[in-house]
Amino acid sequence: MYAVIKTGGKQYRVEPGESLKVETIEAAVGDSISFSEVLMVADGETVKVGAPTVAGAVVKAEVVAHGRGDKIRIIKHRRRKHYHKEQGHRQNFTALKIIEIVGA
């Protein structure tokens, strides 16, 4: 069984027992959260596609950790113009463990 959920402006394909990193969610480590914005639920041969969401479907997850991703280096350089600019960025994330998928 798997589902497609939407969180943080992105869509994720999730299965029970799976771990994933999503955009930062305001919840403490150890809290359980539920995603009601489920776009699709598949269980074997049956597939339910929402328009836009599947009514009554919920994905339950547990917050494992909060952190920051790897540093991304942004470098801008113009040759022969004495222009060189460097910048870095680290994106915040929340690590989740999917507990169960409740499909309608």
Protein backbone atom coordinates (compact mmCIF):
# COMPACT_ATOMS: atom_id res chain seq x y z
CA MET A 1 0.00 0.00 0.00
CA TYR A 2 1.27 3.49 -0.82
CA ALA A 3 -0.05 7.03 -1.02
CA VAL A 4 0.90 10.38 -2.51
CA ILE A 5 0.75 13.28 -0.05
CA LYS A 6 1.29 17.00 -0.43
CA THR A 7 3.24 18.99 2.15
CA GLY A 8 5.46 22.06 1.94
CA GLY A 9 4.45 22.68 -1.68
CA LYS A 10 5.84 19.32 -2.80
CA GLN A 11 4.38 15.86 -3.40
CA TYR A 12 5.80 12.68 -1.88
CA ARG A 13 5.10 8.99 -2.51
CA VAL A 14 5.05 7.28 0.90
CA GLU A 15 4.69 3.75 2.24
CA PRO A 16 4.25 2.53 5.85
CA GLY A 17 7.60 2.16 7.63
CA GLU A 18 9.36 4.54 5.23
CA SER A 19 11.49 7.51 6.36
CA LEU A 20 11.64 10.76 4.45
CA LYS A 21 12.76 14.37 4.76
CA VAL A 22 10.22 17.14 4.13
CA GLU A 23 10.11 20.91 4.52
CA THR A 24 10.17 22.09 8.14
CA ILE A 25 7.04 21.26 10.14
CA GLU A 26 6.38 22.96 13.47
CA ALA A 27 6.15 19.89 15.72
CA ALA A 28 8.33 18.50 18.50
CA VAL A 29 10.45 15.38 18.06
CA GLY A 30 8.35 12.34 18.94
CA ASP A 31 5.01 13.97 18.08
CA SER A 32 2.66 12.18 15.72
CA ILE A 33 1.18 14.22 12.89
CA SER A 34 -1.37 13.41 10.22
CA PHE A 35 -1.58 14.52 6.61
CA SER A 36 -5.13 14.93 5.33
CA GLU A 37 -4.04 16.28 1.95
CA VAL A 38 -3.74 12.84 0.31
CA LEU A 39 -3.78 13.00 -3.49
CA MET A 40 -3.78 9.26 -4.25
CA VAL A 41 -4.06 5.95 -2.39
CA ALA A 42 -3.12 2.59 -3.95
CA ASP A 43 -3.69 -0.80 -2.31
CA GLY A 44 -2.71 -3.63 -4.61
CA GLU A 45 -4.97 -3.45 -7.65
CA THR A 46 -7.30 -0.71 -6.32
CA VAL A 47 -6.20 2.87 -6.90
CA LYS A 48 -8.13 5.88 -5.61
CA VAL A 49 -7.24 9.21 -7.19
CA GLY A 50 -8.60 12.35 -5.60
CA ALA A 51 -10.04 15.39 -7.26
CA PRO A 52 -8.01 17.12 -5.80
CA THR A 53 -7.79 14.97 -2.61
CA VAL A 54 -9.11 11.56 -1.58
CA ALA A 55 -12.00 12.08 0.86
CA GLY A 56 -11.42 10.44 4.25
CA ALA A 57 -7.83 9.37 3.54
CA VAL A 58 -5.20 10.18 6.17
CA VAL A 59 -1.49 9.44 6.42
CA LYS A 60 -0.10 9.25 9.96
CA ALA A 61 3.58 9.95 10.64
CA GLU A 62 5.95 10.49 13.54
CA VAL A 63 8.54 13.28 13.74
CA VAL A 64 11.98 11.70 14.09
CA ALA A 65 14.30 14.72 13.91
CA HIS A 66 14.83 18.27 12.73
CA GLY A 67 17.97 19.32 10.90
CA ARG A 68 19.67 21.17 8.10
CA GLY A 69 20.68 19.77 4.74
CA ASP A 70 24.05 19.86 3.04
CA LYS A 71 25.47 23.23 2.05
CA ILE A 72 24.80 24.33 -1.51
CA ARG A 73 27.42 26.63 -3.02
CA ILE A 74 26.27 29.39 -5.38
CA ILE A 75 29.09 30.94 -7.39
CA LYS A 76 28.73 33.81 -9.87
CA HIS A 77 31.72 34.85 -11.92
CA ARG A 78 32.19 37.18 -14.90
CA ARG A 79 35.48 36.75 -16.66
CA ARG A 80 37.69 39.81 -17.14
CA LYS A 81 35.22 42.02 -15.22
CA HIS A 82 36.61 41.65 -11.67
CA TYR A 83 33.28 40.19 -10.56
CA HIS A 84 33.20 37.14 -8.32
CA LYS A 85 30.46 36.36 -5.80
CA GLU A 86 30.03 33.30 -3.57
CA GLN A 87 27.03 32.41 -1.49
CA GLY A 88 25.95 29.35 0.51
CA HIS A 89 22.61 27.93 1.58
CA ARG A 90 21.45 25.16 3.93
CA GLN A 91 17.78 24.15 3.82
CA ASN A 92 15.96 23.17 7.02
CA PHE A 93 14.13 19.84 7.05
CA THR A 94 12.02 17.58 9.24
CA ALA A 95 12.66 13.83 9.16
CA LEU A 96 9.47 11.72 9.35
CA LYS A 97 8.68 8.04 9.73
CA ILE A 98 5.39 6.98 8.13
CA ILE A 99 3.31 4.92 10.55
CA GLU A 100 0.15 4.06 8.65
CA ILE A 101 -2.02 4.95 5.69
CA VAL A 102 -5.75 5.05 6.31
CA GLY A 103 -7.60 5.04 2.97
CA ALA A 104 -11.33 5.60 2.64
